[in-house]
Amino acid sequence: MNIAVWDTYVKRDNDKTMHFDILVPSEMKDEQTIFDYGKQYLKSKPFQTGQLTTNECRFCHIEQANKEIIETITKNGYSIIEMENCN
C-alpha cells in the first residue's frame, strides 16, 4: 500500500512544538478529512494544543507502508508517527 505522509507541526500549551506525521492512503485527497484525523489524534493528548490547519499540516511525500501501518490505516483510516514533543 502506498501512503501519503502529511508533515505536521502543532504548538503545545507549554510553547513546545509537536511534530508528527499523519499517514493516509495515497489516493486520499480530501485535506479536511486528513486534518480531522490530526485533530482526533490531538484530542487524545492530556495537554492542550493549538489549531491544526493548512499552516501546520502539509503533504510531504508518498512512500510504501509497512505491515503495522497498513493494519492501523485499515482499522482507523489513518496512522500517526510521533516525532517530537508528542508526550
PDB file of N, CA and C in Angstrom:
ATOM      1  N   MET A   1       0.847  -1.183   0.000  1.00  0.00           N
ATOM      2  CA  MET A   1       0.000   0.000   0.000  1.00  0.00           C
ATOM      3  C   MET A   1       0.889   1.242   0.000  1.00  0.00           C
ATOM      4  N   ASN A   2       0.627   2.150  -0.935  1.00  0.00           N
ATOM      5  CA  ASN A   2       1.297   3.444  -0.926  1.00  0.00           C
ATOM      6  C   ASN A   2       0.526   4.386  -0.017  1.00  0.00           C
ATOM      7  N   ILE A   3       1.259   5.144   0.776  1.00  0.00           N
ATOM      8  CA  ILE A   3       0.627   6.085   1.697  1.00  0.00           C
ATOM      9  C   ILE A   3       1.167   7.495   1.460  1.00  0.00           C
ATOM     10  N   ALA A   4       0.314   8.466   1.756  1.00  0.00           N
ATOM     11  CA  ALA A   4       0.718   9.870   1.729  1.00  0.00           C
ATOM     12  C   ALA A   4       1.127  10.265   3.147  1.00  0.00           C
ATOM     13  N   VAL A   5       2.247  10.946   3.241  1.00  0.00           N
ATOM     14  CA  VAL A   5       2.764  11.410   4.528  1.00  0.00           C
ATOM     15  C   VAL A   5       2.521  12.915   4.613  1.00  0.00           C
ATOM     16  N   TRP A   6       1.798  13.324   5.657  1.00  0.00           N
ATOM     17  CA  TRP A   6       1.488  14.733   5.902  1.00  0.00           C
ATOM     18  C   TRP A   6       2.279  15.180   7.124  1.00  0.00           C
ATOM     19  N   ASP A   7       3.262  16.029   6.893  1.00  0.00           N
ATOM     20  CA  ASP A   7       4.158  16.543   7.923  1.00  0.00           C
ATOM     21  C   ASP A   7       3.416  17.604   8.734  1.00  0.00           C
ATOM     22  N   THR A   8       3.374  17.433  10.066  1.00  0.00           N
ATOM     23  CA  THR A   8       2.515  18.268  10.896  1.00  0.00           C
ATOM     24  C   THR A   8       3.277  18.812  12.105  1.00  0.00           C
ATOM     25  N   TYR A   9       3.110  20.112  12.349  1.00  0.00           N
ATOM     26  CA  TYR A   9       3.711  20.809  13.487  1.00  0.00           C
ATOM     27  C   TYR A   9       2.612  21.592  14.196  1.00  0.00           C
ATOM     28  N   VAL A  10       2.416  21.319  15.491  1.00  0.00           N
ATOM     29  CA  VAL A  10       1.374  21.994  16.258  1.00  0.00           C
ATOM     30  C   VAL A  10       1.965  22.455  17.592  1.00  0.00           C
ATOM     31  N   LYS A  11       1.695  23.702  17.962  1.00  0.00           N
ATOM     32  CA  LYS A  11       2.154  24.244  19.244  1.00  0.00           C
ATOM     33  C   LYS A  11       1.393  23.609  20.393  1.00  0.00           C
ATOM     34  N   ARG A  12       2.123  23.306  21.468  1.00  0.00           N
ATOM     35  CA  ARG A  12       1.520  22.848  22.717  1.00  0.00           C
ATOM     36  C   ARG A  12       1.316  24.053  23.631  1.00  0.00           C
ATOM     37  N   ASP A  13       0.560  23.861  24.701  1.00  0.00           N
ATOM     38  CA  ASP A  13       0.302  24.953  25.635  1.00  0.00           C
ATOM     39  C   ASP A  13       1.548  25.393  26.397  1.00  0.00           C
ATOM     40  N   ASN A  14       2.614  24.582  26.398  1.00  0.00           N
ATOM     41  CA  ASN A  14       3.860  24.945  27.075  1.00  0.00           C
ATOM     42  C   ASN A  14       4.891  25.537  26.099  1.00  0.00           C
ATOM     43  N   ASP A  15       4.427  25.948  24.917  1.00  0.00           N
ATOM     44  CA  ASP A  15       5.238  26.557  23.859  1.00  0.00           C
ATOM     45  C   ASP A  15       6.184  25.599  23.138  1.00  0.00           C
ATOM     46  N   LYS A  16       6.169  24.321  23.494  1.00  0.00           N
ATOM     47  CA  LYS A  16       6.897  23.340  22.697  1.00  0.00           C
ATOM     48  C   LYS A  16       6.094  23.082  21.438  1.00  0.00           C
ATOM     49  N   THR A  17       6.772  22.636  20.394  1.00  0.00           N
ATOM     50  CA  THR A  17       6.092  22.312  19.146  1.00  0.00           C
ATOM     51  C   THR A  17       6.097  20.806  18.942  1.00  0.00           C
ATOM     52  N   MET A  18       4.894  20.257  18.791  1.00  0.00           N
ATOM     53  CA  MET A  18       4.759  18.840  18.470  1.00  0.00           C
ATOM     54  C   MET A  18       5.053  18.654  16.987  1.00  0.00           C
ATOM     55  N   HIS A  19       5.746  17.581  16.664  1.00  0.00           N
ATOM     56  CA  HIS A  19       5.996  17.219  15.268  1.00  0.00           C
ATOM     57  C   HIS A  19       5.544  15.770  15.116  1.00  0.00           C
ATOM     58  N   PHE A  20       4.591  15.555  14.213  1.00  0.00           N
ATOM     59  CA  PHE A  20       4.126  14.200  13.933  1.00  0.00           C
ATOM     60  C   PHE A  20       3.702  14.120  12.477  1.00  0.00           C
ATOM     61  N   ASP A  21       3.649  12.893  11.973  1.00  0.00           N
ATOM     62  CA  ASP A  21       3.194  12.655  10.603  1.00  0.00           C
ATOM     63  C   ASP A  21       1.831  11.977  10.640  1.00  0.00           C
ATOM     64  N   ILE A  22       0.939  12.443   9.776  1.00  0.00           N
ATOM     65  CA  ILE A  22      -0.351  11.790   9.564  1.00  0.00           C
ATOM     66  C   ILE A  22      -0.200  10.965   8.286  1.00  0.00           C
ATOM     67  N   LEU A  23      -0.458   9.676   8.380  1.00  0.00           N
ATOM     68  CA  LEU A  23      -0.317   8.759   7.247  1.00  0.00           C
ATOM     69  C   LEU A  23      -1.695   8.315   6.785  1.00  0.00           C
ATOM     70  N   VAL A  24      -1.956   8.469   5.500  1.00  0.00           N
ATOM     71  CA  VAL A  24      -3.248   8.090   4.914  1.00  0.00           C
ATOM     72  C   VAL A  24      -2.989   7.373   3.588  1.00  0.00           C
ATOM     73  N   PRO A  25      -3.974   6.633   3.069  1.00  0.00           N
ATOM     74  CA  PRO A  25      -3.792   6.026   1.752  1.00  0.00           C
ATOM     75  C   PRO A  25      -3.460   7.108   0.719  1.00  0.00           C
ATOM     76  N   SER A  26      -2.583   6.797  -0.204  1.00  0.00           N
ATOM     77  CA  SER A  26      -2.097   7.806  -1.164  1.00  0.00           C
ATOM     78  C   SER A  26      -3.206   8.366  -2.043  1.00  0.00           C
ATOM     79  N   GLU A  27      -4.305   7.620  -2.215  1.00  0.00           N
ATOM     80  CA  GLU A  27      -5.389   8.125  -3.061  1.00  0.00           C
ATOM     81  C   GLU A  27      -6.298   9.113  -2.320  1.00  0.00           C
ATOM     82  N   MET A  28      -6.110   9.267  -0.988  1.00  0.00           N
ATOM     83  CA  MET A  28      -6.934  10.214  -0.237  1.00  0.00           C
ATOM     84  C   MET A  28      -6.461  11.638  -0.540  1.00  0.00           C
ATOM     85  N   LYS A  29      -7.367  12.463  -1.008  1.00  0.00           N
ATOM     86  CA  LYS A  29      -7.025  13.836  -1.397  1.00  0.00           C
ATOM     87  C   LYS A  29      -7.772  14.899  -0.586  1.00  0.00           C
ATOM     88  N   ASP A  30      -8.747  14.473   0.228  1.00  0.00           N
ATOM     89  CA  ASP A  30      -9.571  15.412   0.977  1.00  0.00           C
ATOM     90  C   ASP A  30      -8.800  15.940   2.186  1.00  0.00           C
ATOM     91  N   GLU A  31      -8.279  17.163   2.069  1.00  0.00           N
ATOM     92  CA  GLU A  31      -7.478  17.742   3.142  1.00  0.00           C
ATOM     93  C   GLU A  31      -8.255  17.855   4.443  1.00  0.00           C
ATOM     94  N   GLN A  32      -9.526  18.193   4.390  1.00  0.00           N
ATOM     95  CA  GLN A  32     -10.306  18.357   5.619  1.00  0.00           C
ATOM     96  C   GLN A  32     -10.382  17.046   6.398  1.00  0.00           C
ATOM     97  N   THR A  33     -10.535  15.923   5.700  1.00  0.00           N
ATOM     98  CA  THR A  33     -10.551  14.618   6.366  1.00  0.00           C
ATOM     99  C   THR A  33      -9.208  14.349   7.029  1.00  0.00           C
ATOM    100  N   ILE A  34      -8.131  14.666   6.338  1.00  0.00           N
ATOM    101  CA  ILE A  34      -6.790  14.455   6.890  1.00  0.00           C
ATOM    102  C   ILE A  34      -6.592  15.332   8.122  1.00  0.00           C
ATOM    103  N   PHE A  35      -7.015  16.594   8.058  1.00  0.00           N
ATOM    104  CA  PHE A  35      -6.916  17.484   9.213  1.00  0.00           C
ATOM    105  C   PHE A  35      -7.763  16.956  10.369  1.00  0.00           C
ATOM    106  N   ASP A  36      -8.935  16.413  10.061  1.00  0.00           N
ATOM    107  CA  ASP A  36      -9.802  15.849  11.101  1.00  0.00           C
ATOM    108  C   ASP A  36      -9.123  14.670  11.796  1.00  0.00           C
ATOM    109  N   TYR A  37      -8.389  13.849  11.048  1.00  0.00           N
ATOM    110  CA  TYR A  37      -7.630  12.759  11.658  1.00  0.00           C
ATOM    111  C   TYR A  37      -6.601  13.329  12.637  1.00  0.00           C
ATOM    112  N   GLY A  38      -5.908  14.375  12.222  1.00  0.00           N
ATOM    113  CA  GLY A  38      -4.935  15.019  13.107  1.00  0.00           C
ATOM    114  C   GLY A  38      -5.594  15.586  14.351  1.00  0.00           C
ATOM    115  N   LYS A  39      -6.763  16.171  14.204  1.00  0.00           N
ATOM    116  CA  LYS A  39      -7.494  16.723  15.349  1.00  0.00           C
ATOM    117  C   LYS A  39      -7.930  15.619  16.308  1.00  0.00           C
ATOM    118  N   GLN A  40      -8.348  14.466  15.762  1.00  0.00           N
ATOM    119  CA  GLN A  40      -8.706  13.316  16.608  1.00  0.00           C
ATOM    120  C   GLN A  40      -7.506  12.899  17.442  1.00  0.00           C
ATOM    121  N   TYR A  41      -6.358  12.827  16.791  1.00  0.00           N
ATOM    122  CA  TYR A  41      -5.128  12.457  17.492  1.00  0.00           C
ATOM    123  C   TYR A  41      -4.822  13.463  18.595  1.00  0.00           C
ATOM    124  N   LEU A  42      -4.919  14.754  18.291  1.00  0.00           N
ATOM    125  CA  LEU A  42      -4.619  15.780  19.294  1.00  0.00           C
ATOM    126  C   LEU A  42      -5.555  15.699  20.496  1.00  0.00           C
ATOM    127  N   LYS A  43      -6.813  15.341  20.269  1.00  0.00           N
ATOM    128  CA  LYS A  43      -7.771  15.205  21.373  1.00  0.00           C
ATOM    129  C   LYS A  43      -7.381  14.086  22.330  1.00  0.00           C
ATOM    130  N   SER A  44      -6.581  13.131  21.867  1.00  0.00           N
ATOM    131  CA  SER A  44      -6.174  12.011  22.715  1.00  0.00           C
ATOM    132  C   SER A  44      -5.054  12.386  23.681  1.00  0.00           C
ATOM    133  N   LYS A  45      -4.503  13.571  23.521  1.00  0.00           N
ATOM    134  CA  LYS A  45      -3.382  14.007  24.355  1.00  0.00           C
ATOM    135  C   LYS A  45      -3.890  14.639  25.651  1.00  0.00           C
ATOM    136  N   PRO A  46      -3.131  14.477  26.756  1.00  0.00           N
ATOM    137  CA  PRO A  46      -3.575  15.025  28.045  1.00  0.00           C
ATOM    138  C   PRO A  46      -3.251  16.515  28.223  1.00  0.00           C
ATOM    139  N   PHE A  47      -2.760  17.167  27.180  1.00  0.00           N
ATOM    140  CA  PHE A  47      -2.413  18.584  27.258  1.00  0.00           C
ATOM    141  C   PHE A  47      -3.102  19.339  26.125  1.00  0.00           C
ATOM    142  N   GLN A  48      -3.168  20.636  26.259  1.00  0.00           N
ATOM    143  CA  GLN A  48      -3.791  21.484  25.258  1.00  0.00           C
ATOM    144  C   GLN A  48      -2.822  21.755  24.110  1.00  0.00           C
ATOM    145  N   THR A  49      -3.394  21.917  22.915  1.00  0.00           N
ATOM    146  CA  THR A  49      -2.577  22.227  21.741  1.00  0.00           C
ATOM    147  C   THR A  49      -3.238  23.354  20.957  1.00  0.00           C
ATOM    148  N   GLY A  50      -2.467  23.924  20.050  1.00  0.00           N
ATOM    149  CA  GLY A  50      -3.002  24.921  19.150  1.00  0.00           C
ATOM    150  C   GLY A  50      -3.823  24.266  18.053  1.00  0.00           C
ATOM    151  N   GLN A  51      -4.231  25.084  17.100  1.00  0.00           N
ATOM    152  CA  GLN A  51      -5.053  24.605  15.994  1.00  0.00           C
ATOM    153  C   GLN A  51      -4.240  23.810  14.988  1.00  0.00           C
ATOM    154  N   LEU A  52      -4.941  22.994  14.230  1.00  0.00           N
ATOM    155  CA  LEU A  52      -4.338  22.265  13.128  1.00  0.00           C
ATOM    156  C   LEU A  52      -5.032  22.739  11.851  1.00  0.00           C
ATOM    157  N   THR A  53      -4.275  23.440  11.005  1.00  0.00           N
ATOM    158  CA  THR A  53      -4.799  23.966   9.747  1.00  0.00           C
ATOM    159  C   THR A  53      -3.773  23.712   8.647  1.00  0.00           C
ATOM    160  N   THR A  54      -4.016  24.273   7.472  1.00  0.00           N
ATOM    161  CA  THR A  54      -3.059  24.131   6.368  1.00  0.00           C
ATOM    162  C   THR A  54      -1.703  24.732   6.710  1.00  0.00           C
ATOM    163  N   ASN A  55      -1.657  25.635   7.673  1.00  0.00           N
ATOM    164  CA  ASN A  55      -0.375  26.213   8.096  1.00  0.00           C
ATOM    165  C   ASN A  55       0.465  25.221   8.888  1.00  0.00           C
ATOM    166  N   GLU A  56      -0.184  24.285   9.570  1.00  0.00           N
ATOM    167  CA  GLU A  56       0.523  23.334  10.431  1.00  0.00           C
ATOM    168  C   GLU A  56       0.710  21.962   9.799  1.00  0.00           C
ATOM    169  N   CYS A  57      -0.052  21.657   8.769  1.00  0.00           N
ATOM    170  CA  CYS A  57      -0.066  20.311   8.204  1.00  0.00           C
ATOM    171  C   CYS A  57       0.029  20.396   6.686  1.00  0.00           C
ATOM    172  N   ARG A  58       1.077  19.760   6.139  1.00  0.00           N
ATOM    173  CA  ARG A  58       1.278  19.815   4.683  1.00  0.00           C
ATOM    174  C   ARG A  58       1.693  18.457   4.138  1.00  0.00           C
ATOM    175  N   PHE A  59       1.228  18.190   2.916  1.00  0.00           N
ATOM    176  CA  PHE A  59       1.648  16.973   2.225  1.00  0.00           C
ATOM    177  C   PHE A  59       3.161  17.004   2.074  1.00  0.00           C
ATOM    178  N   CYS A  60       3.797  15.865   2.332  1.00  0.00           N
ATOM    179  CA  CYS A  60       5.255  15.778   2.244  1.00  0.00           C
ATOM    180  C   CYS A  60       5.688  14.849   1.105  1.00  0.00           C
ATOM    181  N   HIS A  61       5.260  13.585   1.135  1.00  0.00           N
ATOM    182  CA  HIS A  61       5.682  12.629   0.114  1.00  0.00           C
ATOM    183  C   HIS A  61       4.823  11.369   0.165  1.00  0.00           C
ATOM    184  N   ILE A  62       5.045  10.488  -0.813  1.00  0.00           N
ATOM    185  CA  ILE A  62       4.405   9.168  -0.887  1.00  0.00           C
ATOM    186  C   ILE A  62       5.473   8.124  -0.587  1.00  0.00           C
ATOM    187  N   GLU A  63       5.086   7.103   0.180  1.00  0.00           N
ATOM    188  CA  GLU A  63       6.012   6.000   0.438  1.00  0.00           C
ATOM    189  C   GLU A  63       5.239   4.703   0.602  1.00  0.00           C
ATOM    190  N   GLN A  64       5.963   3.601   0.636  1.00  0.00           N
ATOM    191  CA  GLN A  64       5.372   2.282   0.828  1.00  0.00           C
ATOM    192  C   GLN A  64       5.197   2.038   2.323  1.00  0.00           C
ATOM    193  N   ALA A  65       4.004   1.624   2.729  1.00  0.00           N
ATOM    194  CA  ALA A  65       3.718   1.368   4.148  1.00  0.00           C
ATOM    195  C   ALA A  65       4.191  -0.016   4.553  1.00  0.00           C
ATOM    196  N   ASN A  66       4.600  -0.122   5.824  1.00  0.00           N
ATOM    197  CA  ASN A  66       4.917  -1.444   6.362  1.00  0.00           C
ATOM    198  C   ASN A  66       3.633  -2.104   6.870  1.00  0.00           C
ATOM    199  N   LYS A  67       3.728  -3.349   7.281  1.00  0.00           N
ATOM    200  CA  LYS A  67       2.559  -4.137   7.675  1.00  0.00           C
ATOM    201  C   LYS A  67       1.801  -3.486   8.836  1.00  0.00           C
ATOM    202  N   GLU A  68       2.515  -3.001   9.834  1.00  0.00           N
ATOM    203  CA  GLU A  68       1.876  -2.398  11.012  1.00  0.00           C
ATOM    204  C   GLU A  68       1.066  -1.154  10.630  1.00  0.00           C
ATOM    205  N   ILE A  69       1.622  -0.313   9.783  1.00  0.00           N
ATOM    206  CA  ILE A  69       0.920   0.900   9.356  1.00  0.00           C
ATOM    207  C   ILE A  69      -0.295   0.539   8.506  1.00  0.00           C
ATOM    208  N   ILE A  70      -0.158  -0.445   7.632  1.00  0.00           N
ATOM    209  CA  ILE A  70      -1.291  -0.888   6.816  1.00  0.00           C
ATOM    210  C   ILE A  70      -2.434  -1.360   7.714  1.00  0.00           C
ATOM    211  N   GLU A  71      -2.105  -2.132   8.748  1.00  0.00           N
ATOM    212  CA  GLU A  71      -3.137  -2.615   9.666  1.00  0.00           C
ATOM    213  C   GLU A  71      -3.832  -1.457  10.385  1.00  0.00           C
ATOM    214  N   THR A  72      -3.074  -0.467  10.832  1.00  0.00           N
ATOM    215  CA  THR A  72      -3.654   0.677  11.534  1.00  0.00           C
ATOM    216  C   THR A  72      -4.527   1.507  10.594  1.00  0.00           C
ATOM    217  N   ILE A  73      -4.058   1.740   9.370  1.00  0.00           N
ATOM    218  CA  ILE A  73      -4.852   2.505   8.402  1.00  0.00           C
ATOM    219  C   ILE A  73      -6.126   1.746   8.030  1.00  0.00           C
ATOM    220  N   THR A  74      -6.025   0.443   7.880  1.00  0.00           N
ATOM    221  CA  THR A  74      -7.201  -0.366   7.564  1.00  0.00           C
ATOM    222  C   THR A  74      -8.235  -0.265   8.692  1.00  0.00           C
ATOM    223  N   LYS A  75      -7.775  -0.261   9.929  1.00  0.00           N
ATOM    224  CA  LYS A  75      -8.668  -0.202  11.087  1.00  0.00           C
ATOM    225  C   LYS A  75      -9.231   1.201  11.316  1.00  0.00           C
ATOM    226  N   ASN A  76      -8.375   2.250  11.229  1.00  0.00           N
ATOM    227  CA  ASN A  76      -8.755   3.606  11.639  1.00  0.00           C
ATOM    228  C   ASN A  76      -8.907   4.605  10.500  1.00  0.00           C
ATOM    229  N   GLY A  77      -8.400   4.264   9.321  1.00  0.00           N
ATOM    230  CA  GLY A  77      -8.418   5.200   8.206  1.00  0.00           C
ATOM    231  C   GLY A  77      -7.140   6.008   8.102  1.00  0.00           C
ATOM    232  N   TYR A  78      -6.341   6.011   9.170  1.00  0.00           N
ATOM    233  CA  TYR A  78      -5.093   6.770   9.213  1.00  0.00           C
ATOM    234  C   TYR A  78      -4.166   6.165  10.261  1.00  0.00           C
ATOM    235  N   SER A  79      -2.923   6.639  10.251  1.00  0.00           N
ATOM    236  CA  SER A  79      -1.953   6.267  11.269  1.00  0.00           C
ATOM    237  C   SER A  79      -1.141   7.516  11.610  1.00  0.00           C
ATOM    238  N   ILE A  80      -0.569   7.543  12.789  1.00  0.00           N
ATOM    239  CA  ILE A  80       0.249   8.677  13.232  1.00  0.00           C
ATOM    240  C   ILE A  80       1.640   8.157  13.580  1.00  0.00           C
ATOM    241  N   ILE A  81       2.652   8.886  13.152  1.00  0.00           N
ATOM    242  CA  ILE A  81       4.020   8.640  13.622  1.00  0.00           C
ATOM    243  C   ILE A  81       4.419   9.865  14.441  1.00  0.00           C
ATOM    244  N   GLU A  82       4.675   9.641  15.720  1.00  0.00           N
ATOM    245  CA  GLU A  82       5.104  10.713  16.615  1.00  0.00           C
ATOM    246  C   GLU A  82       6.598  10.949  16.442  1.00  0.00           C
ATOM    247  N   MET A  83       6.970  12.227  16.254  1.00  0.00           N
ATOM    248  CA  MET A  83       8.370  12.565  16.029  1.00  0.00           C
ATOM    249  C   MET A  83       8.978  13.326  17.217  1.00  0.00           C
ATOM    250  N   GLU A  84       8.375  14.459  17.601  1.00  0.00           N
ATOM    251  CA  GLU A  84       8.941  15.284  18.669  1.00  0.00           C
ATOM    252  C   GLU A  84       7.837  15.868  19.541  1.00  0.00           C
ATOM    253  N   ASN A  85       8.103  15.905  20.854  1.00  0.00           N
ATOM    254  CA  ASN A  85       7.252  16.584  21.832  1.00  0.00           C
ATOM    255  C   ASN A  85       5.791  16.140  21.789  1.00  0.00           C
ATOM    256  N   CYS A  86       5.560  14.860  21.539  1.00  0.00           N
ATOM    257  CA  CYS A  86       4.193  14.339  21.432  1.00  0.00           C
ATOM    258  C   CYS A  86       3.703  13.726  22.743  1.00  0.00           C
ATOM    259  N   ASN A  87       4.574  13.601  23.708  1.00  0.00           N
ATOM    260  CA  ASN A  87       4.177  13.006  25.003  1.00  0.00           C
ATOM    261  C   ASN A  87       4.589  13.883  26.152  1.00  0.00           C
TER     262      ASN A  87
END
